[in-house]
């Protein structure tokens, strides 16, 4: 253990586990769902074809789904921002079409 502290002070990486320890008990050893993208990034990509996926991811973001796995937070936030931009663009488009018809 003393060797690890000395190596850490020198700026070297320190092995946390022993090599013979094959137990994968950590939360982040489990891969993310949807081909490793996670729900947020998968929803972000699918949202370009089906914008409802952005709203689903926004709902998950607002209900703090990312507390289960913090790696999901960035993808869910990106989907929420995309949903906001899509909604604003949709409202502007509808307003322009309504007022230009008069």
PDB file of N, CA and C in Angstrom:
ATOM      1  N   UNK A   1       0.826  -1.186   0.000  1.00  0.00           N
ATOM      2  CA  UNK A   1       0.000   0.000   0.000  1.00  0.00           C
ATOM      3  C   UNK A   1       0.872   1.252   0.000  1.00  0.00           C
ATOM      4  N   UNK A   2       1.985   1.225   0.714  1.00  0.00           N
ATOM      5  CA  UNK A   2       2.897   2.367   0.749  1.00  0.00           C
ATOM      6  C   UNK A   2       3.467   2.661  -0.629  1.00  0.00           C
ATOM      7  N   UNK A   3       3.722   1.598  -1.397  1.00  0.00           N
ATOM      8  CA  UNK A   3       4.242   1.780  -2.751  1.00  0.00           C
ATOM      9  C   UNK A   3       3.250   2.557  -3.612  1.00  0.00           C
ATOM     10  N   UNK A   4       1.968   2.256  -3.457  1.00  0.00           N
ATOM     11  CA  UNK A   4       0.944   2.942  -4.243  1.00  0.00           C
ATOM     12  C   UNK A   4       0.903   4.429  -3.928  1.00  0.00           C
ATOM     13  N   UNK A   5       1.035   4.783  -2.669  1.00  0.00           N
ATOM     14  CA  UNK A   5       1.010   6.191  -2.274  1.00  0.00           C
ATOM     15  C   UNK A   5       2.215   6.925  -2.833  1.00  0.00           C
ATOM     16  N   UNK A   6       3.374   6.280  -2.787  1.00  0.00           N
ATOM     17  CA  UNK A   6       4.585   6.898  -3.320  1.00  0.00           C
ATOM     18  C   UNK A   6       4.488   7.072  -4.840  1.00  0.00           C
ATOM     19  N   UNK A   7       3.937   6.076  -5.530  1.00  0.00           N
ATOM     20  CA  UNK A   7       3.783   6.179  -6.980  1.00  0.00           C
ATOM     21  C   UNK A   7       2.760   7.250  -7.344  1.00  0.00           C
ATOM     22  N   UNK A   8       1.732   7.371  -6.521  1.00  0.00           N
ATOM     23  CA  UNK A   8       0.718   8.385  -6.788  1.00  0.00           C
ATOM     24  C   UNK A   8       1.303   9.786  -6.615  1.00  0.00           C
ATOM     25  N   UNK A   9       2.170   9.968  -5.646  1.00  0.00           N
ATOM     26  CA  UNK A   9       2.812  11.269  -5.444  1.00  0.00           C
ATOM     27  C   UNK A   9       3.726  11.621  -6.606  1.00  0.00           C
ATOM     28  N   UNK A  10       4.286  10.609  -7.261  1.00  0.00           N
ATOM     29  CA  UNK A  10       5.150  10.848  -8.411  1.00  0.00           C
ATOM     30  C   UNK A  10       4.356  11.145  -9.673  1.00  0.00           C
ATOM     31  N   UNK A  11       3.038  10.996  -9.609  1.00  0.00           N
ATOM     32  CA  UNK A  11       2.200  11.276 -10.771  1.00  0.00           C
ATOM     33  C   UNK A  11       1.926  10.060 -11.621  1.00  0.00           C
ATOM     34  N   UNK A  12       2.226   8.870 -11.116  1.00  0.00           N
ATOM     35  CA  UNK A  12       1.991   7.652 -11.871  1.00  0.00           C
ATOM     36  C   UNK A  12       0.593   7.120 -11.566  1.00  0.00           C
ATOM     37  N   UNK A  13       0.067   6.351 -12.506  1.00  0.00           N
ATOM     38  CA  UNK A  13      -1.219   5.711 -12.291  1.00  0.00           C
ATOM     39  C   UNK A  13      -1.071   4.587 -11.285  1.00  0.00           C
ATOM     40  N   UNK A  14      -2.097   4.410 -10.478  1.00  0.00           N
ATOM     41  CA  UNK A  14      -2.071   3.393  -9.432  1.00  0.00           C
ATOM     42  C   UNK A  14      -3.162   2.376  -9.712  1.00  0.00           C
ATOM     43  N   UNK A  15      -2.810   1.098  -9.659  1.00  0.00           N
ATOM     44  CA  UNK A  15      -3.761   0.021  -9.845  1.00  0.00           C
ATOM     45  C   UNK A  15      -4.644  -0.073  -8.611  1.00  0.00           C
ATOM     46  N   UNK A  16      -5.936   0.024  -8.819  1.00  0.00           N
ATOM     47  CA  UNK A  16      -6.855  -0.007  -7.684  1.00  0.00           C
ATOM     48  C   UNK A  16      -7.181  -1.440  -7.284  1.00  0.00           C
ATOM     49  N   UNK A  17      -7.354  -2.319  -8.252  1.00  0.00           N
ATOM     50  CA  UNK A  17      -7.704  -3.710  -7.976  1.00  0.00           C
ATOM     51  C   UNK A  17      -6.519  -4.615  -8.278  1.00  0.00           C
ATOM     52  N   UNK A  18      -6.565  -5.755  -7.668  1.00  0.00           N
ATOM     53  CA  UNK A  18      -5.573  -6.775  -7.963  1.00  0.00           C
ATOM     54  C   UNK A  18      -5.970  -7.470  -9.255  1.00  0.00           C
ATOM     55  N   UNK A  19      -5.001  -7.989  -9.994  1.00  0.00           N
ATOM     56  CA  UNK A  19      -5.286  -8.626 -11.277  1.00  0.00           C
ATOM     57  C   UNK A  19      -6.106  -9.892 -11.127  1.00  0.00           C
ATOM     58  N   UNK A  20      -5.959 -10.609 -10.027  1.00  0.00           N
ATOM     59  CA  UNK A  20      -6.695 -11.850  -9.856  1.00  0.00           C
ATOM     60  C   UNK A  20      -8.135 -11.609  -9.400  1.00  0.00           C
ATOM     61  N   UNK A  21      -8.495 -10.374  -9.142  1.00  0.00           N
ATOM     62  CA  UNK A  21      -9.845 -10.027  -8.730  1.00  0.00           C
ATOM     63  C   UNK A  21     -10.704  -9.831  -9.983  1.00  0.00           C
ATOM     64  N   UNK A  22     -11.521 -10.830 -10.325  1.00  0.00           N
ATOM     65  CA  UNK A  22     -12.325 -10.784 -11.547  1.00  0.00           C
ATOM     66  C   UNK A  22     -13.760 -10.357 -11.302  1.00  0.00           C
ATOM     67  N   UNK A  23     -14.090  -9.955 -10.109  1.00  0.00           N
ATOM     68  CA  UNK A  23     -15.459  -9.575  -9.790  1.00  0.00           C
ATOM     69  C   UNK A  23     -15.779  -8.215 -10.403  1.00  0.00           C
ATOM     70  N   UNK A  24     -16.843  -8.144 -11.170  1.00  0.00           N
ATOM     71  CA  UNK A  24     -17.274  -6.881 -11.770  1.00  0.00           C
ATOM     72  C   UNK A  24     -18.503  -6.403 -11.024  1.00  0.00           C
ATOM     73  N   UNK A  25     -18.303  -5.798  -9.890  1.00  0.00           N
ATOM     74  CA  UNK A  25     -19.427  -5.391  -9.065  1.00  0.00           C
ATOM     75  C   UNK A  25     -19.788  -3.931  -9.184  1.00  0.00           C
ATOM     76  N   UNK A  26     -19.040  -3.139  -9.925  1.00  0.00           N
ATOM     77  CA  UNK A  26     -19.298  -1.716 -10.007  1.00  0.00           C
ATOM     78  C   UNK A  26     -20.479  -1.391 -10.900  1.00  0.00           C
ATOM     79  N   UNK A  27     -21.077  -0.259 -10.669  1.00  0.00           N
ATOM     80  CA  UNK A  27     -22.231   0.187 -11.442  1.00  0.00           C
ATOM     81  C   UNK A  27     -21.862   0.473 -12.891  1.00  0.00           C
ATOM     82  N   UNK A  28     -20.696   1.014 -13.130  1.00  0.00           N
ATOM     83  CA  UNK A  28     -20.340   1.455 -14.469  1.00  0.00           C
ATOM     84  C   UNK A  28     -19.638   0.383 -15.293  1.00  0.00           C
ATOM     85  N   UNK A  29     -19.579  -0.826 -14.786  1.00  0.00           N
ATOM     86  CA  UNK A  29     -19.048  -1.916 -15.597  1.00  0.00           C
ATOM     87  C   UNK A  29     -20.111  -2.427 -16.554  1.00  0.00           C
ATOM     88  N   UNK A  30     -21.368  -2.110 -16.248  1.00  0.00           N
ATOM     89  CA  UNK A  30     -22.470  -2.532 -17.091  1.00  0.00           C
ATOM     90  C   UNK A  30     -22.548  -1.584 -18.288  1.00  0.00           C
ATOM     91  N   UNK A  31     -22.598  -2.118 -19.507  1.00  0.00           N
ATOM     92  CA  UNK A  31     -22.675  -1.228 -20.676  1.00  0.00           C
ATOM     93  C   UNK A  31     -24.025  -0.531 -20.738  1.00  0.00           C
ATOM     94  N   UNK A  32     -24.043   0.620 -21.381  1.00  0.00           N
ATOM     95  CA  UNK A  32     -25.284   1.362 -21.558  1.00  0.00           C
ATOM     96  C   UNK A  32     -26.196   0.641 -22.536  1.00  0.00           C
ATOM     97  N   UNK A  33     -27.512   0.815 -22.397  1.00  0.00           N
ATOM     98  CA  UNK A  33     -28.429   0.188 -23.345  1.00  0.00           C
ATOM     99  C   UNK A  33     -28.363   0.856 -24.715  1.00  0.00           C
ATOM    100  N   UNK A  34     -29.051   0.285 -25.676  1.00  0.00           N
ATOM    101  CA  UNK A  34     -29.139   0.811 -27.038  1.00  0.00           C
ATOM    102  C   UNK A  34     -27.769   0.911 -27.695  1.00  0.00           C
ATOM    103  N   UNK A  35     -27.102  -0.215 -27.790  1.00  0.00           N
ATOM    104  CA  UNK A  35     -25.820  -0.341 -28.479  1.00  0.00           C
ATOM    105  C   UNK A  35     -24.724   0.506 -27.845  1.00  0.00           C
ATOM    106  N   UNK A  36     -24.809   0.745 -26.559  1.00  0.00           N
ATOM    107  CA  UNK A  36     -23.793   1.509 -25.844  1.00  0.00           C
ATOM    108  C   UNK A  36     -23.980   3.007 -25.885  1.00  0.00           C
ATOM    109  N   UNK A  37     -24.985   3.503 -26.598  1.00  0.00           N
ATOM    110  CA  UNK A  37     -25.242   4.941 -26.659  1.00  0.00           C
ATOM    111  C   UNK A  37     -25.918   5.445 -25.404  1.00  0.00           C
ATOM    112  N   UNK A  38     -26.773   4.644 -24.836  1.00  0.00           N
ATOM    113  CA  UNK A  38     -27.600   5.095 -23.738  1.00  0.00           C
ATOM    114  C   UNK A  38     -28.923   5.615 -24.293  1.00  0.00           C
ATOM    115  N   UNK A  39     -29.887   5.749 -23.424  1.00  0.00           N
ATOM    116  CA  UNK A  39     -31.216   6.172 -23.850  1.00  0.00           C
ATOM    117  C   UNK A  39     -31.196   7.596 -24.394  1.00  0.00           C
ATOM    118  N   UNK A  40     -30.432   8.479 -23.757  1.00  0.00           N
ATOM    119  CA  UNK A  40     -30.416   9.883 -24.164  1.00  0.00           C
ATOM    120  C   UNK A  40     -29.866  10.103 -25.551  1.00  0.00           C
ATOM    121  N   UNK A  41     -28.688   9.571 -25.834  1.00  0.00           N
ATOM    122  CA  UNK A  41     -28.085   9.774 -27.154  1.00  0.00           C
ATOM    123  C   UNK A  41     -28.839   9.017 -28.229  1.00  0.00           C
ATOM    124  N   UNK A  42     -29.379   7.848 -27.877  1.00  0.00           N
ATOM    125  CA  UNK A  42     -30.183   7.110 -28.853  1.00  0.00           C
ATOM    126  C   UNK A  42     -31.435   7.907 -29.208  1.00  0.00           C
ATOM    127  N   UNK A  43     -32.079   8.503 -28.209  1.00  0.00           N
ATOM    128  CA  UNK A  43     -33.252   9.335 -28.460  1.00  0.00           C
ATOM    129  C   UNK A  43     -32.886  10.570 -29.276  1.00  0.00           C
ATOM    130  N   UNK A  44     -31.710  11.117 -29.010  1.00  0.00           N
ATOM    131  CA  UNK A  44     -31.254  12.283 -29.764  1.00  0.00           C
ATOM    132  C   UNK A  44     -31.116  11.942 -31.250  1.00  0.00           C
ATOM    133  N   UNK A  45     -30.508  10.815 -31.555  1.00  0.00           N
ATOM    134  CA  UNK A  45     -30.305  10.427 -32.951  1.00  0.00           C
ATOM    135  C   UNK A  45     -31.619  10.042 -33.632  1.00  0.00           C
ATOM    136  N   UNK A  46     -32.447   9.289 -32.933  1.00  0.00           N
ATOM    137  CA  UNK A  46     -33.726   8.862 -33.500  1.00  0.00           C
ATOM    138  C   UNK A  46     -34.665  10.057 -33.657  1.00  0.00           C
ATOM    139  N   UNK A  47     -34.498  11.065 -32.820  1.00  0.00           N
ATOM    140  CA  UNK A  47     -35.362  12.235 -32.851  1.00  0.00           C
ATOM    141  C   UNK A  47     -35.316  13.004 -34.154  1.00  0.00           C
ATOM    142  N   UNK A  48     -34.266  12.870 -34.924  1.00  0.00           N
ATOM    143  CA  UNK A  48     -34.210  13.546 -36.211  1.00  0.00           C
ATOM    144  C   UNK A  48     -35.216  12.948 -37.200  1.00  0.00           C
ATOM    145  N   UNK A  49     -35.616  11.692 -36.973  1.00  0.00           N
ATOM    146  CA  UNK A  49     -36.615  11.045 -37.810  1.00  0.00           C
ATOM    147  C   UNK A  49     -37.988  11.026 -37.142  1.00  0.00           C
ATOM    148  N   UNK A  50     -37.995  10.874 -35.811  1.00  0.00           N
ATOM    149  CA  UNK A  50     -39.225  10.844 -35.024  1.00  0.00           C
ATOM    150  C   UNK A  50     -39.065  11.793 -33.831  1.00  0.00           C
ATOM    151  N   UNK A  51     -39.424  13.071 -33.984  1.00  0.00           N
ATOM    152  CA  UNK A  51     -39.189  14.070 -32.928  1.00  0.00           C
ATOM    153  C   UNK A  51     -39.832  13.736 -31.581  1.00  0.00           C
ATOM    154  N   UNK A  52     -40.807  12.841 -31.571  1.00  0.00           N
ATOM    155  CA  UNK A  52     -41.415  12.447 -30.302  1.00  0.00           C
ATOM    156  C   UNK A  52     -40.375  11.842 -29.353  1.00  0.00           C
ATOM    157  N   UNK A  53     -39.316  11.249 -29.888  1.00  0.00           N
ATOM    158  CA  UNK A  53     -38.260  10.656 -29.054  1.00  0.00           C
ATOM    159  C   UNK A  53     -37.563  11.733 -28.219  1.00  0.00           C
ATOM    160  N   UNK A  54     -37.450  12.943 -28.768  1.00  0.00           N
ATOM    161  CA  UNK A  54     -36.844  14.038 -28.000  1.00  0.00           C
ATOM    162  C   UNK A  54     -37.697  14.389 -26.796  1.00  0.00           C
ATOM    163  N   UNK A  55     -39.021  14.379 -26.988  1.00  0.00           N
ATOM    164  CA  UNK A  55     -39.922  14.714 -25.884  1.00  0.00           C
ATOM    165  C   UNK A  55     -39.915  13.622 -24.816  1.00  0.00           C
ATOM    166  N   UNK A  56     -39.792  12.388 -25.242  1.00  0.00           N
ATOM    167  CA  UNK A  56     -39.684  11.291 -24.277  1.00  0.00           C
ATOM    168  C   UNK A  56     -38.406  11.438 -23.444  1.00  0.00           C
ATOM    169  N   UNK A  57     -37.295  11.736 -24.108  1.00  0.00           N
ATOM    170  CA  UNK A  57     -36.024  11.926 -23.398  1.00  0.00           C
ATOM    171  C   UNK A  57     -36.076  13.157 -22.495  1.00  0.00           C
ATOM    172  N   UNK A  58     -36.786  14.198 -22.919  1.00  0.00           N
ATOM    173  CA  UNK A  58     -36.948  15.389 -22.082  1.00  0.00           C
ATOM    174  C   UNK A  58     -37.711  15.052 -20.815  1.00  0.00           C
ATOM    175  N   UNK A  59     -38.752  14.239 -20.964  1.00  0.00           N
ATOM    176  CA  UNK A  59     -39.510  13.786 -19.790  1.00  0.00           C
ATOM    177  C   UNK A  59     -38.604  13.006 -18.832  1.00  0.00           C
ATOM    178  N   UNK A  60     -37.771  12.115 -19.378  1.00  0.00           N
ATOM    179  CA  UNK A  60     -36.850  11.350 -18.533  1.00  0.00           C
ATOM    180  C   UNK A  60     -35.844  12.274 -17.846  1.00  0.00           C
ATOM    181  N   UNK A  61     -35.398  13.301 -18.560  1.00  0.00           N
ATOM    182  CA  UNK A  61     -34.442  14.247 -17.983  1.00  0.00           C
ATOM    183  C   UNK A  61     -35.074  15.045 -16.843  1.00  0.00           C
ATOM    184  N   UNK A  62     -36.312  15.492 -17.062  1.00  0.00           N
ATOM    185  CA  UNK A  62     -36.984  16.290 -16.040  1.00  0.00           C
ATOM    186  C   UNK A  62     -37.398  15.466 -14.824  1.00  0.00           C
ATOM    187  N   UNK A  63     -37.541  14.164 -14.990  1.00  0.00           N
ATOM    188  CA  UNK A  63     -37.868  13.299 -13.855  1.00  0.00           C
ATOM    189  C   UNK A  63     -36.614  12.704 -13.216  1.00  0.00           C
ATOM    190  N   UNK A  64     -35.467  13.240 -13.554  1.00  0.00           N
ATOM    191  CA  UNK A  64     -34.173  12.843 -12.973  1.00  0.00           C
ATOM    192  C   UNK A  64     -33.863  11.370 -13.176  1.00  0.00           C
ATOM    193  N   UNK A  65     -34.136  10.876 -14.367  1.00  0.00           N
ATOM    194  CA  UNK A  65     -33.799   9.491 -14.704  1.00  0.00           C
ATOM    195  C   UNK A  65     -32.287   9.261 -14.633  1.00  0.00           C
ATOM    196  N   UNK A  66     -31.507  10.311 -14.874  1.00  0.00           N
ATOM    197  CA  UNK A  66     -30.051  10.188 -14.902  1.00  0.00           C
ATOM    198  C   UNK A  66     -29.465   9.868 -13.532  1.00  0.00           C
ATOM    199  N   UNK A  67     -30.252   9.930 -12.480  1.00  0.00           N
ATOM    200  CA  UNK A  67     -29.722   9.552 -11.159  1.00  0.00           C
ATOM    201  C   UNK A  67     -29.451   8.066 -11.075  1.00  0.00           C
ATOM    202  N   UNK A  68     -30.117   7.282 -11.912  1.00  0.00           N
ATOM    203  CA  UNK A  68     -29.825   5.844 -11.965  1.00  0.00           C
ATOM    204  C   UNK A  68     -28.426   5.607 -12.524  1.00  0.00           C
ATOM    205  N   UNK A  69     -28.099   6.360 -13.564  1.00  0.00           N
ATOM    206  CA  UNK A  69     -26.794   6.234 -14.198  1.00  0.00           C
ATOM    207  C   UNK A  69     -26.385   7.615 -14.707  1.00  0.00           C
ATOM    208  N   UNK A  70     -25.429   8.265 -14.069  1.00  0.00           N
ATOM    209  CA  UNK A  70     -25.041   9.627 -14.458  1.00  0.00           C
ATOM    210  C   UNK A  70     -24.507   9.741 -15.890  1.00  0.00           C
ATOM    211  N   UNK A  71     -24.130   8.619 -16.480  1.00  0.00           N
ATOM    212  CA  UNK A  71     -23.633   8.676 -17.860  1.00  0.00           C
ATOM    213  C   UNK A  71     -24.742   9.044 -18.839  1.00  0.00           C
ATOM    214  N   UNK A  72     -25.995   8.923 -18.424  1.00  0.00           N
ATOM    215  CA  UNK A  72     -27.133   9.240 -19.286  1.00  0.00           C
ATOM    216  C   UNK A  72     -27.425  10.741 -19.347  1.00  0.00           C
ATOM    217  N   UNK A  73     -26.897  11.502 -18.426  1.00  0.00           N
ATOM    218  CA  UNK A  73     -27.285  12.903 -18.276  1.00  0.00           C
ATOM    219  C   UNK A  73     -27.019  13.747 -19.523  1.00  0.00           C
ATOM    220  N   UNK A  74     -25.868  13.605 -20.130  1.00  0.00           N
ATOM    221  CA  UNK A  74     -25.534  14.454 -21.283  1.00  0.00           C
ATOM    222  C   UNK A  74     -26.428  14.161 -22.479  1.00  0.00           C
ATOM    223  N   UNK A  75     -26.720  12.914 -22.730  1.00  0.00           N
ATOM    224  CA  UNK A  75     -27.592  12.571 -23.846  1.00  0.00           C
ATOM    225  C   UNK A  75     -29.016  13.042 -23.629  1.00  0.00           C
ATOM    226  N   UNK A  76     -29.497  12.901 -22.398  1.00  0.00           N
ATOM    227  CA  UNK A  76     -30.847  13.373 -22.095  1.00  0.00           C
ATOM    228  C   UNK A  76     -30.933  14.893 -22.196  1.00  0.00           C
ATOM    229  N   UNK A  77     -29.890  15.586 -21.761  1.00  0.00           N
ATOM    230  CA  UNK A  77     -29.875  17.047 -21.870  1.00  0.00           C
ATOM    231  C   UNK A  77     -29.825  17.484 -23.333  1.00  0.00           C
ATOM    232  N   UNK A  78     -29.057  16.798 -24.146  1.00  0.00           N
ATOM    233  CA  UNK A  78     -28.996  17.130 -25.576  1.00  0.00           C
ATOM    234  C   UNK A  78     -30.354  16.929 -26.236  1.00  0.00           C
ATOM    235  N   UNK A  79     -31.049  15.873 -25.842  1.00  0.00           N
ATOM    236  CA  UNK A  79     -32.386  15.639 -26.391  1.00  0.00           C
ATOM    237  C   UNK A  79     -33.366  16.708 -25.933  1.00  0.00           C
ATOM    238  N   UNK A  80     -33.231  17.162 -24.695  1.00  0.00           N
ATOM    239  CA  UNK A  80     -34.111  18.220 -24.192  1.00  0.00           C
ATOM    240  C   UNK A  80     -33.879  19.522 -24.956  1.00  0.00           C
ATOM    241  N   UNK A  81     -32.637  19.844 -25.238  1.00  0.00           N
ATOM    242  CA  UNK A  81     -32.319  21.054 -26.001  1.00  0.00           C
ATOM    243  C   UNK A  81     -32.847  20.927 -27.431  1.00  0.00           C
ATOM    244  N   UNK A  82     -32.699  19.738 -28.024  1.00  0.00           N
ATOM    245  CA  UNK A  82     -33.215  19.525 -29.380  1.00  0.00           C
ATOM    246  C   UNK A  82     -34.736  19.655 -29.402  1.00  0.00           C
ATOM    247  N   UNK A  83     -35.404  19.158 -28.374  1.00  0.00           N
ATOM    248  CA  UNK A  83     -36.863  19.281 -28.297  1.00  0.00           C
ATOM    249  C   UNK A  83     -37.275  20.742 -28.182  1.00  0.00           C
ATOM    250  N   UNK A  84     -36.525  21.520 -27.419  1.00  0.00           N
ATOM    251  CA  UNK A  84     -36.822  22.946 -27.279  1.00  0.00           C
ATOM    252  C   UNK A  84     -36.657  23.671 -28.615  1.00  0.00           C
ATOM    253  N   UNK A  85     -35.568  23.412 -29.307  1.00  0.00           N
ATOM    254  CA  UNK A  85     -35.321  24.054 -30.602  1.00  0.00           C
ATOM    255  C   UNK A  85     -36.382  23.639 -31.613  1.00  0.00           C
ATOM    256  N   UNK A  86     -36.737  22.362 -31.624  1.00  0.00           N
ATOM    257  CA  UNK A  86     -37.766  21.881 -32.545  1.00  0.00           C
ATOM    258  C   UNK A  86     -39.112  22.534 -32.257  1.00  0.00           C
ATOM    259  N   UNK A  87     -39.453  22.675 -30.975  1.00  0.00           N
ATOM    260  CA  UNK A  87     -40.727  23.286 -30.602  1.00  0.00           C
ATOM    261  C   UNK A  87     -40.780  24.750 -31.025  1.00  0.00           C
ATOM    262  N   UNK A  88     -39.704  25.491 -30.782  1.00  0.00           N
ATOM    263  CA  UNK A  88     -39.657  26.901 -31.179  1.00  0.00           C
ATOM    264  C   UNK A  88     -39.762  27.023 -32.695  1.00  0.00           C
ATOM    265  N   UNK A  89     -39.053  26.188 -33.427  1.00  0.00           N
ATOM    266  CA  UNK A  89     -39.118  26.232 -34.893  1.00  0.00           C
ATOM    267  C   UNK A  89     -40.512  25.871 -35.388  1.00  0.00           C
ATOM    268  N   UNK A  90     -41.145  24.919 -34.754  1.00  0.00           N
ATOM    269  CA  UNK A  90     -42.490  24.517 -35.144  1.00  0.00           C
ATOM    270  C   UNK A  90     -43.506  25.630 -34.882  1.00  0.00           C
ATOM    271  N   UNK A  91     -43.397  26.282 -33.735  1.00  0.00           N
ATOM    272  CA  UNK A  91     -44.305  27.387 -33.410  1.00  0.00           C
ATOM    273  C   UNK A  91     -44.116  28.543 -34.387  1.00  0.00           C
ATOM    274  N   UNK A  92     -42.887  28.893 -34.697  1.00  0.00           N
ATOM    275  CA  UNK A  92     -42.618  29.977 -35.643  1.00  0.00           C
ATOM    276  C   UNK A  92     -43.163  29.615 -37.020  1.00  0.00           C
ATOM    277  N   UNK A  93     -42.973  28.388 -37.450  1.00  0.00           N
ATOM    278  CA  UNK A  93     -43.479  27.947 -38.756  1.00  0.00           C
ATOM    279  C   UNK A  93     -45.002  28.020 -38.810  1.00  0.00           C
ATOM    280  N   UNK A  94     -45.655  27.557 -37.757  1.00  0.00           N
ATOM    281  CA  UNK A  94     -47.119  27.606 -37.726  1.00  0.00           C
ATOM    282  C   UNK A  94     -47.596  29.041 -37.738  1.00  0.00           C
ATOM    283  N   UNK A  95     -46.966  29.907 -36.951  1.00  0.00           N
ATOM    284  CA  UNK A  95     -47.370  31.324 -36.922  1.00  0.00           C
ATOM    285  C   UNK A  95     -47.189  31.997 -38.293  1.00  0.00           C
ATOM    286  N   UNK A  96     -46.097  31.697 -38.959  1.00  0.00           N
ATOM    287  CA  UNK A  96     -45.864  32.274 -40.271  1.00  0.00           C
ATOM    288  C   UNK A  96     -46.914  31.778 -41.266  1.00  0.00           C
ATOM    289  N   UNK A  97     -47.247  30.502 -41.221  1.00  0.00           N
ATOM    290  CA  UNK A  97     -48.248  29.974 -42.130  1.00  0.00           C
ATOM    291  C   UNK A  97     -49.638  30.533 -41.848  1.00  0.00           C
ATOM    292  N   UNK A  98     -49.965  30.719 -40.588  1.00  0.00           N
ATOM    293  CA  UNK A  98     -51.285  31.252 -40.229  1.00  0.00           C
ATOM    294  C   UNK A  98     -51.409  32.706 -40.640  1.00  0.00           C
ATOM    295  N   UNK A  99     -50.396  33.514 -40.349  1.00  0.00           N
ATOM    296  CA  UNK A  99     -50.473  34.934 -40.648  1.00  0.00           C
ATOM    297  C   UNK A  99     -50.214  35.258 -42.121  1.00  0.00           C
ATOM    298  N   UNK A 100     -49.573  34.380 -42.843  1.00  0.00           N
ATOM    299  CA  UNK A 100     -49.349  34.630 -44.259  1.00  0.00           C
ATOM    300  C   UNK A 100     -50.569  34.251 -45.095  1.00  0.00           C
ATOM    301  N   UNK A 101     -51.453  33.463 -44.527  1.00  0.00           N
ATOM    302  CA  UNK A 101     -52.665  33.059 -45.246  1.00  0.00           C
ATOM    303  C   UNK A 101     -53.696  34.172 -45.271  1.00  0.00           C
ATOM    304  N   UNK A 102     -53.594  35.157 -44.439  1.00  0.00           N
ATOM    305  CA  UNK A 102     -54.569  36.261 -44.376  1.00  0.00           C
ATOM    306  C   UNK A 102     -54.409  37.209 -45.496  1.00  0.00           C
TER     307      UNK A 102
END
